Amino acid sequence: MVTAGLDRKAQLFNVSKEKPSQRVQTLMLPNLPIYSAKFINEGSQLLLTGNRKHFYYYDLEANKLEKVPGI
């Protein structure tokens, strides 16, 4: 699960019915208040958008955050 907000943080959680949810990672975007966060490509990547002319793409498997200039 992912939570995101205007504080520019996206927090990733491991959610399970058997045990309490645990925060796995926190991403801090340097210049993008997050309006929307969505898993893509069968949950292996994360798309983070806001009110700027750029957006961010995060690859969970490679642990890589990439800024994409322009839509």
N, C-alpha and C. Protein backbone atom coordinates (compact mmCIF):
# COMPACT_ATOMS: atom_id res chain seq x y z
N MET A 1 0.85 -1.15 0.00
CA MET A 1 0.00 0.00 0.00
C MET A 1 0.90 1.23 0.00
N VAL A 2 0.41 2.31 -0.59
CA VAL A 2 1.15 3.57 -0.59
C VAL A 2 0.24 4.68 -0.08
N THR A 3 0.81 5.56 0.74
CA THR A 3 0.13 6.80 1.13
C THR A 3 1.01 7.94 0.66
N ALA A 4 0.39 9.04 0.25
CA ALA A 4 1.15 10.17 -0.27
C ALA A 4 0.38 11.45 0.01
N GLY A 5 1.11 12.59 0.02
CA GLY A 5 0.43 13.83 0.32
C GLY A 5 1.20 15.06 -0.09
N LEU A 6 0.63 16.20 0.28
CA LEU A 6 1.20 17.49 -0.08
C LEU A 6 2.51 17.78 0.65
N ASP A 7 2.87 16.97 1.64
CA ASP A 7 4.15 17.13 2.34
C ASP A 7 5.32 16.55 1.54
N ARG A 8 5.06 16.08 0.31
CA ARG A 8 6.05 15.54 -0.63
C ARG A 8 6.56 14.16 -0.22
N LYS A 9 5.88 13.48 0.69
CA LYS A 9 6.29 12.15 1.14
C LYS A 9 5.36 11.09 0.58
N ALA A 10 5.95 9.99 0.14
CA ALA A 10 5.21 8.79 -0.22
C ALA A 10 5.72 7.68 0.69
N GLN A 11 4.80 7.05 1.40
CA GLN A 11 5.20 5.99 2.33
C GLN A 11 4.64 4.66 1.85
N LEU A 12 5.51 3.68 1.77
CA LEU A 12 5.14 2.34 1.32
C LEU A 12 4.98 1.43 2.52
N PHE A 13 3.89 0.66 2.53
CA PHE A 13 3.58 -0.23 3.64
C PHE A 13 3.42 -1.66 3.14
N ASN A 14 3.81 -2.61 3.97
CA ASN A 14 3.53 -4.02 3.73
C ASN A 14 2.28 -4.34 4.53
N VAL A 15 1.20 -4.69 3.83
CA VAL A 15 -0.09 -4.94 4.47
C VAL A 15 -0.39 -6.43 4.43
N SER A 16 -0.75 -6.97 5.59
CA SER A 16 -1.05 -8.39 5.70
C SER A 16 -2.19 -8.59 6.68
N LYS A 17 -3.01 -9.61 6.45
CA LYS A 17 -4.10 -9.93 7.38
C LYS A 17 -3.57 -10.60 8.64
N GLU A 18 -2.44 -11.30 8.52
CA GLU A 18 -1.91 -12.07 9.63
C GLU A 18 -1.20 -11.24 10.69
N LYS A 19 -0.58 -10.13 10.29
CA LYS A 19 0.17 -9.32 11.25
C LYS A 19 -0.05 -7.84 10.95
N PRO A 20 0.29 -6.97 11.89
CA PRO A 20 0.09 -5.53 11.68
C PRO A 20 0.88 -4.99 10.49
N SER A 21 0.35 -3.98 9.88
CA SER A 21 1.03 -3.34 8.75
C SER A 21 2.34 -2.72 9.19
N GLN A 22 3.34 -2.79 8.32
CA GLN A 22 4.65 -2.23 8.62
C GLN A 22 5.07 -1.28 7.51
N ARG A 23 5.59 -0.11 7.90
CA ARG A 23 6.12 0.80 6.90
C ARG A 23 7.43 0.23 6.39
N VAL A 24 7.55 0.13 5.08
CA VAL A 24 8.73 -0.44 4.45
C VAL A 24 9.71 0.64 4.05
N GLN A 25 9.17 1.75 3.51
CA GLN A 25 10.05 2.79 2.98
C GLN A 25 9.31 4.11 2.90
N THR A 26 10.05 5.20 3.02
CA THR A 26 9.51 6.53 2.82
C THR A 26 10.31 7.22 1.73
N LEU A 27 9.62 7.72 0.72
CA LEU A 27 10.25 8.48 -0.36
C LEU A 27 9.95 9.95 -0.14
N MET A 28 10.96 10.78 -0.25
CA MET A 28 10.80 12.22 -0.12
C MET A 28 11.10 12.84 -1.48
N LEU A 29 10.09 13.43 -2.09
CA LEU A 29 10.28 14.07 -3.39
C LEU A 29 10.73 15.51 -3.17
N PRO A 30 11.80 15.92 -3.81
CA PRO A 30 12.37 17.23 -3.52
C PRO A 30 11.49 18.43 -3.89
N ASN A 31 10.67 18.31 -4.92
CA ASN A 31 9.93 19.49 -5.37
C ASN A 31 8.57 19.16 -5.97
N LEU A 32 7.87 18.19 -5.38
CA LEU A 32 6.56 17.82 -5.92
C LEU A 32 5.60 17.45 -4.80
N PRO A 33 4.69 18.37 -4.43
CA PRO A 33 3.60 17.96 -3.54
C PRO A 33 2.78 16.90 -4.28
N ILE A 34 2.55 15.76 -3.66
CA ILE A 34 1.94 14.62 -4.36
C ILE A 34 0.42 14.72 -4.31
N TYR A 35 -0.18 14.76 -5.49
CA TYR A 35 -1.64 14.76 -5.62
C TYR A 35 -2.16 13.35 -5.89
N SER A 36 -1.34 12.52 -6.55
CA SER A 36 -1.78 11.18 -6.90
C SER A 36 -0.59 10.22 -6.89
N ALA A 37 -0.83 9.03 -6.38
CA ALA A 37 0.18 7.97 -6.39
C ALA A 37 -0.51 6.69 -6.81
N LYS A 38 0.06 6.01 -7.79
CA LYS A 38 -0.58 4.81 -8.32
C LYS A 38 0.46 3.76 -8.68
N PHE A 39 0.18 2.50 -8.29
CA PHE A 39 1.02 1.40 -8.70
C PHE A 39 0.71 1.07 -10.16
N ILE A 40 1.78 0.79 -10.94
CA ILE A 40 1.62 0.41 -12.33
C ILE A 40 2.48 -0.83 -12.60
N ASN A 41 2.32 -1.41 -13.78
CA ASN A 41 3.09 -2.60 -14.18
C ASN A 41 3.02 -3.70 -13.13
N GLU A 42 1.81 -4.08 -12.78
CA GLU A 42 1.55 -5.17 -11.83
C GLU A 42 2.15 -4.93 -10.46
N GLY A 43 2.23 -3.66 -10.05
CA GLY A 43 2.70 -3.31 -8.72
C GLY A 43 4.20 -3.19 -8.57
N SER A 44 4.94 -3.30 -9.65
CA SER A 44 6.40 -3.22 -9.54
C SER A 44 6.93 -1.80 -9.66
N GLN A 45 6.07 -0.87 -10.06
CA GLN A 45 6.48 0.53 -10.22
C GLN A 45 5.40 1.44 -9.65
N LEU A 46 5.82 2.66 -9.35
CA LEU A 46 4.92 3.63 -8.73
C LEU A 46 5.02 4.93 -9.52
N LEU A 47 3.87 5.51 -9.82
CA LEU A 47 3.79 6.78 -10.53
C LEU A 47 3.30 7.84 -9.55
N LEU A 48 4.04 8.95 -9.41
CA LEU A 48 3.73 10.01 -8.46
C LEU A 48 3.57 11.31 -9.22
N THR A 49 2.39 11.93 -9.10
CA THR A 49 2.11 13.15 -9.85
C THR A 49 1.63 14.25 -8.91
N GLY A 50 1.71 15.48 -9.41
CA GLY A 50 1.27 16.64 -8.65
C GLY A 50 0.93 17.78 -9.57
N ASN A 51 1.01 18.99 -9.06
CA ASN A 51 0.63 20.16 -9.85
C ASN A 51 1.84 20.84 -10.48
N ARG A 52 2.78 20.08 -10.92
CA ARG A 52 3.97 20.60 -11.60
C ARG A 52 4.00 20.07 -13.03
N LYS A 53 4.95 20.55 -13.83
CA LYS A 53 5.07 20.09 -15.21
C LYS A 53 5.90 18.82 -15.32
N HIS A 54 6.25 18.23 -14.22
CA HIS A 54 7.00 16.98 -14.20
C HIS A 54 6.32 16.00 -13.25
N PHE A 55 6.74 14.76 -13.30
CA PHE A 55 6.25 13.76 -12.37
C PHE A 55 7.40 12.81 -12.04
N TYR A 56 7.18 11.93 -11.10
CA TYR A 56 8.21 10.98 -10.69
C TYR A 56 7.72 9.56 -10.91
N TYR A 57 8.69 8.71 -11.20
CA TYR A 57 8.48 7.30 -11.43
C TYR A 57 9.43 6.57 -10.48
N TYR A 58 8.91 5.61 -9.74
CA TYR A 58 9.73 4.86 -8.80
C TYR A 58 9.66 3.37 -9.14
N ASP A 59 10.80 2.76 -9.34
CA ASP A 59 10.89 1.33 -9.61
C ASP A 59 11.19 0.64 -8.28
N LEU A 60 10.24 -0.13 -7.78
CA LEU A 60 10.39 -0.78 -6.49
C LEU A 60 11.49 -1.84 -6.50
N GLU A 61 11.61 -2.58 -7.59
CA GLU A 61 12.60 -3.65 -7.65
C GLU A 61 14.02 -3.10 -7.71
N ALA A 62 14.23 -2.01 -8.46
CA ALA A 62 15.56 -1.41 -8.58
C ALA A 62 15.82 -0.36 -7.51
N ASN A 63 14.80 -0.01 -6.72
CA ASN A 63 14.90 1.04 -5.70
C ASN A 63 15.42 2.34 -6.32
N LYS A 64 14.79 2.74 -7.44
CA LYS A 64 15.25 3.90 -8.18
C LYS A 64 14.12 4.89 -8.41
N LEU A 65 14.35 6.14 -8.00
CA LEU A 65 13.40 7.22 -8.20
C LEU A 65 13.90 8.08 -9.34
N GLU A 66 13.02 8.34 -10.32
CA GLU A 66 13.42 9.08 -11.50
C GLU A 66 12.43 10.21 -11.80
N LYS A 67 12.95 11.39 -12.01
CA LYS A 67 12.13 12.54 -12.38
C LYS A 67 11.92 12.53 -13.89
N VAL A 68 10.66 12.68 -14.31
CA VAL A 68 10.33 12.71 -15.73
C VAL A 68 9.91 14.14 -16.06
N PRO A 69 10.73 14.87 -16.84
CA PRO A 69 10.43 16.28 -17.12
C PRO A 69 9.35 16.41 -18.20
N GLY A 70 8.23 16.98 -17.84
CA GLY A 70 7.17 17.23 -18.81
C GLY A 70 6.26 16.04 -19.00
N ILE A 71 5.05 16.34 -19.30
CA ILE A 71 4.04 15.30 -19.50
C ILE A 71 3.76 15.16 -20.98
